[in-house]
Amino acid sequence: MALCGDSVALSCVEASLRARPGMRVVSTHQLGTEQPDVVVFELTTCPLDSLIALWKMQPQIRLIGLGLLEGGALVISGHASRVSTVEDLVEVIEGQTGGR
């Protein structure tokens, strides 16, 4: 996992993740030598263009943007779904929301 951002809040997230067994956390400055499965970033401060470029080069990577003030997250993944009807779209939406 890589983290993008240098706020106090993201530093707390980083410390919590590093404390978990089996969790390996690096900075985005190490992305040239590391290929993380996940990049966690702050929605308000990280350059989304460069993260999308990274995702295009490594479509298996999952990007998780944190809205720390709002308490939400935006997840961008390379998971593809076939959507040729409205029913297909509804299935994808329900799969993401747990049917809510």
N, C-alpha and C. Protein backbone atom coordinates (compact mmCIF):
# COMPACT_ATOMS: atom_id res chain seq x y z
N MET A 1 0.85 -1.16 0.00
CA MET A 1 0.00 0.00 0.00
C MET A 1 0.89 1.23 0.00
N ALA A 2 0.49 2.23 -0.77
CA ALA A 2 1.20 3.51 -0.78
C ALA A 2 0.24 4.60 -0.33
N LEU A 3 0.80 5.62 0.29
CA LEU A 3 0.01 6.75 0.76
C LEU A 3 0.47 8.02 0.06
N CYS A 4 -0.48 8.84 -0.36
CA CYS A 4 -0.17 10.11 -1.02
C CYS A 4 -0.80 11.22 -0.19
N GLY A 5 0.04 12.05 0.37
CA GLY A 5 -0.46 13.17 1.17
C GLY A 5 0.42 13.35 2.39
N ASP A 6 0.38 14.55 2.94
CA ASP A 6 1.24 14.82 4.09
C ASP A 6 0.52 15.56 5.21
N SER A 7 -0.80 15.43 5.26
CA SER A 7 -1.54 16.09 6.32
C SER A 7 -1.41 15.31 7.63
N VAL A 8 -1.75 15.96 8.69
CA VAL A 8 -1.74 15.31 10.00
C VAL A 8 -2.73 14.15 10.02
N ALA A 9 -3.90 14.36 9.43
CA ALA A 9 -4.93 13.31 9.41
C ALA A 9 -4.43 12.07 8.66
N LEU A 10 -3.79 12.27 7.50
CA LEU A 10 -3.29 11.13 6.74
C LEU A 10 -2.12 10.47 7.47
N SER A 11 -1.36 11.24 8.21
CA SER A 11 -0.29 10.65 9.02
C SER A 11 -0.86 9.72 10.09
N CYS A 12 -1.99 10.08 10.65
CA CYS A 12 -2.67 9.22 11.62
C CYS A 12 -3.17 7.94 10.96
N VAL A 13 -3.73 8.07 9.74
CA VAL A 13 -4.16 6.90 8.99
C VAL A 13 -2.97 6.00 8.73
N GLU A 14 -1.85 6.60 8.31
CA GLU A 14 -0.64 5.83 8.04
C GLU A 14 -0.16 5.08 9.28
N ALA A 15 -0.12 5.75 10.41
CA ALA A 15 0.32 5.10 11.65
C ALA A 15 -0.59 3.93 12.01
N SER A 16 -1.88 4.11 11.83
CA SER A 16 -2.83 3.03 12.13
C SER A 16 -2.64 1.85 11.20
N LEU A 17 -2.40 2.13 9.91
CA LEU A 17 -2.20 1.04 8.95
C LEU A 17 -0.89 0.31 9.21
N ARG A 18 0.17 1.05 9.53
CA ARG A 18 1.47 0.43 9.81
C ARG A 18 1.41 -0.48 11.03
N ALA A 19 0.52 -0.18 11.96
CA ALA A 19 0.40 -0.98 13.18
C ALA A 19 -0.30 -2.32 12.94
N ARG A 20 -0.91 -2.48 11.79
CA ARG A 20 -1.64 -3.73 11.48
C ARG A 20 -0.66 -4.78 10.97
N PRO A 21 -0.74 -6.00 11.51
CA PRO A 21 0.14 -7.07 11.05
C PRO A 21 -0.08 -7.37 9.56
N GLY A 22 1.01 -7.53 8.85
CA GLY A 22 0.93 -7.87 7.44
C GLY A 22 0.70 -6.70 6.51
N MET A 23 0.55 -5.50 7.03
CA MET A 23 0.30 -4.32 6.20
C MET A 23 1.63 -3.64 5.92
N ARG A 24 1.99 -3.54 4.66
CA ARG A 24 3.23 -2.87 4.26
C ARG A 24 2.86 -1.55 3.61
N VAL A 25 3.36 -0.46 4.18
CA VAL A 25 3.00 0.88 3.73
C VAL A 25 4.26 1.59 3.24
N VAL A 26 4.18 2.18 2.04
CA VAL A 26 5.28 2.97 1.49
C VAL A 26 4.72 4.33 1.07
N SER A 27 5.62 5.27 0.78
CA SER A 27 5.16 6.57 0.30
C SER A 27 5.07 6.53 -1.21
N THR A 28 4.35 7.48 -1.78
CA THR A 28 4.23 7.51 -3.23
C THR A 28 5.55 7.87 -3.90
N HIS A 29 6.50 8.39 -3.13
CA HIS A 29 7.83 8.68 -3.68
C HIS A 29 8.56 7.40 -4.02
N GLN A 30 8.14 6.28 -3.44
CA GLN A 30 8.78 4.99 -3.68
C GLN A 30 8.10 4.21 -4.79
N LEU A 31 7.16 4.80 -5.50
CA LEU A 31 6.40 4.06 -6.50
C LEU A 31 7.25 3.60 -7.67
N GLY A 32 8.40 4.23 -7.89
CA GLY A 32 9.28 3.77 -8.96
C GLY A 32 9.87 2.41 -8.67
N THR A 33 10.08 2.10 -7.39
CA THR A 33 10.69 0.83 -7.01
C THR A 33 9.67 -0.16 -6.46
N GLU A 34 8.54 0.32 -6.04
CA GLU A 34 7.50 -0.53 -5.46
C GLU A 34 6.28 -0.54 -6.37
N GLN A 35 5.54 -1.63 -6.35
CA GLN A 35 4.28 -1.70 -7.07
C GLN A 35 3.19 -2.12 -6.09
N PRO A 36 2.63 -1.15 -5.38
CA PRO A 36 1.61 -1.47 -4.38
C PRO A 36 0.32 -1.94 -5.03
N ASP A 37 -0.48 -2.64 -4.26
CA ASP A 37 -1.80 -3.06 -4.69
C ASP A 37 -2.81 -1.93 -4.55
N VAL A 38 -2.53 -1.03 -3.60
CA VAL A 38 -3.47 0.04 -3.25
C VAL A 38 -2.71 1.34 -3.04
N VAL A 39 -3.27 2.45 -3.51
CA VAL A 39 -2.77 3.78 -3.18
C VAL A 39 -3.90 4.52 -2.49
N VAL A 40 -3.63 4.96 -1.26
CA VAL A 40 -4.59 5.74 -0.49
C VAL A 40 -4.15 7.20 -0.57
N PHE A 41 -5.09 8.08 -0.90
CA PHE A 41 -4.74 9.49 -1.06
C PHE A 41 -5.86 10.38 -0.54
N GLU A 42 -5.52 11.62 -0.29
CA GLU A 42 -6.52 12.59 0.13
C GLU A 42 -7.16 13.23 -1.09
N LEU A 43 -8.47 13.22 -1.15
CA LEU A 43 -9.18 13.78 -2.30
C LEU A 43 -8.88 15.26 -2.51
N THR A 44 -8.65 15.98 -1.44
CA THR A 44 -8.50 17.44 -1.56
C THR A 44 -7.09 17.89 -1.85
N THR A 45 -6.07 17.05 -1.64
CA THR A 45 -4.71 17.55 -1.77
C THR A 45 -3.83 16.82 -2.78
N CYS A 46 -4.14 15.61 -3.15
CA CYS A 46 -3.27 14.86 -4.05
C CYS A 46 -3.65 15.13 -5.51
N PRO A 47 -2.63 15.15 -6.37
CA PRO A 47 -2.89 15.40 -7.79
C PRO A 47 -3.56 14.20 -8.45
N LEU A 48 -4.85 14.30 -8.66
CA LEU A 48 -5.62 13.20 -9.21
C LEU A 48 -5.15 12.80 -10.60
N ASP A 49 -4.69 13.76 -11.41
CA ASP A 49 -4.23 13.45 -12.76
C ASP A 49 -3.10 12.42 -12.75
N SER A 50 -2.14 12.61 -11.85
CA SER A 50 -1.00 11.67 -11.80
C SER A 50 -1.44 10.31 -11.26
N LEU A 51 -2.41 10.29 -10.35
CA LEU A 51 -2.89 9.01 -9.85
C LEU A 51 -3.68 8.25 -10.91
N ILE A 52 -4.46 8.96 -11.70
CA ILE A 52 -5.20 8.32 -12.80
C ILE A 52 -4.21 7.80 -13.83
N ALA A 53 -3.14 8.55 -14.11
CA ALA A 53 -2.11 8.07 -15.04
C ALA A 53 -1.47 6.79 -14.51
N LEU A 54 -1.20 6.74 -13.22
CA LEU A 54 -0.66 5.53 -12.60
C LEU A 54 -1.63 4.38 -12.75
N TRP A 55 -2.90 4.63 -12.51
CA TRP A 55 -3.93 3.59 -12.64
C TRP A 55 -4.03 3.08 -14.07
N LYS A 56 -3.87 3.96 -15.05
CA LYS A 56 -3.90 3.54 -16.44
C LYS A 56 -2.71 2.65 -16.78
N MET A 57 -1.55 2.94 -16.18
CA MET A 57 -0.35 2.12 -16.42
C MET A 57 -0.42 0.80 -15.66
N GLN A 58 -1.08 0.81 -14.51
CA GLN A 58 -1.19 -0.38 -13.67
C GLN A 58 -2.67 -0.58 -13.31
N PRO A 59 -3.47 -1.08 -14.25
CA PRO A 59 -4.92 -1.15 -14.02
C PRO A 59 -5.33 -2.07 -12.88
N GLN A 60 -4.44 -2.91 -12.41
CA GLN A 60 -4.77 -3.79 -11.29
C GLN A 60 -4.74 -3.06 -9.95
N ILE A 61 -4.16 -1.87 -9.94
CA ILE A 61 -4.04 -1.10 -8.70
C ILE A 61 -5.40 -0.53 -8.31
N ARG A 62 -5.63 -0.41 -7.03
CA ARG A 62 -6.87 0.20 -6.54
C ARG A 62 -6.51 1.54 -5.91
N LEU A 63 -7.21 2.59 -6.32
CA LEU A 63 -7.00 3.92 -5.76
C LEU A 63 -8.14 4.20 -4.79
N ILE A 64 -7.78 4.64 -3.59
CA ILE A 64 -8.79 4.97 -2.59
C ILE A 64 -8.57 6.40 -2.14
N GLY A 65 -9.48 7.27 -2.54
CA GLY A 65 -9.40 8.67 -2.16
C GLY A 65 -10.22 8.90 -0.91
N LEU A 66 -9.58 9.47 0.09
CA LEU A 66 -10.27 9.72 1.36
C LEU A 66 -10.74 11.16 1.44
N GLY A 67 -11.99 11.35 1.74
CA GLY A 67 -12.55 12.65 2.07
C GLY A 67 -12.55 12.74 3.58
N LEU A 68 -11.43 13.11 4.15
CA LEU A 68 -11.25 13.03 5.60
C LEU A 68 -12.24 13.90 6.37
N LEU A 69 -12.59 15.04 5.82
CA LEU A 69 -13.56 15.91 6.52
C LEU A 69 -14.98 15.37 6.41
N GLU A 70 -15.28 14.75 5.25
CA GLU A 70 -16.62 14.23 5.02
C GLU A 70 -16.80 12.82 5.58
N GLY A 71 -15.70 12.12 5.84
CA GLY A 71 -15.78 10.76 6.34
C GLY A 71 -16.16 9.75 5.26
N GLY A 72 -15.79 10.03 4.01
CA GLY A 72 -16.12 9.12 2.92
C GLY A 72 -14.89 8.72 2.14
N ALA A 73 -15.08 7.81 1.19
CA ALA A 73 -13.98 7.36 0.35
C ALA A 73 -14.48 7.13 -1.07
N LEU A 74 -13.63 7.46 -2.03
CA LEU A 74 -13.88 7.19 -3.44
C LEU A 74 -12.92 6.08 -3.83
N VAL A 75 -13.46 4.96 -4.35
CA VAL A 75 -12.64 3.82 -4.74
C VAL A 75 -12.64 3.71 -6.25
N ILE A 76 -11.44 3.71 -6.83
CA ILE A 76 -11.27 3.55 -8.27
C ILE A 76 -10.50 2.25 -8.47
N SER A 77 -11.11 1.32 -9.19
CA SER A 77 -10.44 0.04 -9.41
C SER A 77 -10.57 -0.35 -10.87
N GLY A 78 -9.75 -1.29 -11.28
CA GLY A 78 -9.78 -1.77 -12.64
C GLY A 78 -10.80 -2.87 -12.86
N HIS A 79 -11.65 -3.10 -11.86
CA HIS A 79 -12.67 -4.14 -12.00
C HIS A 79 -13.66 -3.71 -13.08
N ALA A 80 -13.79 -4.53 -14.09
CA ALA A 80 -14.68 -4.21 -15.20
C ALA A 80 -15.97 -5.01 -15.10
N SER A 81 -17.03 -4.43 -15.59
CA SER A 81 -18.33 -5.10 -15.62
C SER A 81 -18.95 -4.87 -16.98
N ARG A 82 -19.60 -5.89 -17.50
CA ARG A 82 -20.32 -5.74 -18.77
C ARG A 82 -21.68 -5.12 -18.47
N VAL A 83 -21.95 -4.01 -19.14
CA VAL A 83 -23.21 -3.31 -18.94
C VAL A 83 -23.81 -3.02 -20.32
N SER A 84 -24.78 -3.85 -20.71
CA SER A 84 -25.41 -3.61 -22.00
C SER A 84 -26.89 -3.28 -21.85
N THR A 85 -27.41 -3.40 -20.65
CA THR A 85 -28.81 -3.04 -20.40
C THR A 85 -28.88 -2.26 -19.09
N VAL A 86 -30.00 -1.63 -18.86
CA VAL A 86 -30.22 -0.92 -17.59
C VAL A 86 -30.19 -1.92 -16.44
N GLU A 87 -30.71 -3.12 -16.67
CA GLU A 87 -30.68 -4.15 -15.61
C GLU A 87 -29.25 -4.49 -15.23
N ASP A 88 -28.34 -4.58 -16.23
CA ASP A 88 -26.93 -4.83 -15.95
C ASP A 88 -26.35 -3.71 -15.09
N LEU A 89 -26.70 -2.47 -15.43
CA LEU A 89 -26.23 -1.32 -14.67
C LEU A 89 -26.72 -1.38 -13.23
N VAL A 90 -27.97 -1.73 -13.05
CA VAL A 90 -28.54 -1.84 -11.70
C VAL A 90 -27.80 -2.91 -10.91
N GLU A 91 -27.46 -4.03 -11.53
CA GLU A 91 -26.71 -5.08 -10.84
C GLU A 91 -25.34 -4.58 -10.39
N VAL A 92 -24.66 -3.80 -11.24
CA VAL A 92 -23.36 -3.25 -10.86
C VAL A 92 -23.52 -2.29 -9.70
N ILE A 93 -24.53 -1.43 -9.77
CA ILE A 93 -24.77 -0.47 -8.70
C ILE A 93 -25.10 -1.19 -7.40
N GLU A 94 -25.98 -2.16 -7.46
CA GLU A 94 -26.34 -2.90 -6.24
C GLU A 94 -25.17 -3.68 -5.69
N GLY A 95 -24.30 -4.17 -6.54
CA GLY A 95 -23.10 -4.87 -6.08
C GLY A 95 -22.17 -3.96 -5.32
N GLN A 96 -22.12 -2.68 -5.70
CA GLN A 96 -21.27 -1.71 -5.03
C GLN A 96 -21.88 -1.21 -3.74
N THR A 97 -23.20 -1.23 -3.66
CA THR A 97 -23.86 -0.65 -2.48
C THR A 97 -24.44 -1.70 -1.56
N GLY A 98 -24.23 -2.97 -1.89
CA GLY A 98 -24.80 -4.02 -1.06
C GLY A 98 -26.31 -4.12 -1.20
N GLY A 99 -26.85 -3.66 -2.34
CA GLY A 99 -28.28 -3.76 -2.57
C GLY A 99 -29.10 -2.69 -1.90
N ARG A 100 -28.44 -1.66 -1.33
CA ARG A 100 -29.19 -0.59 -0.66
C ARG A 100 -29.90 0.28 -1.64
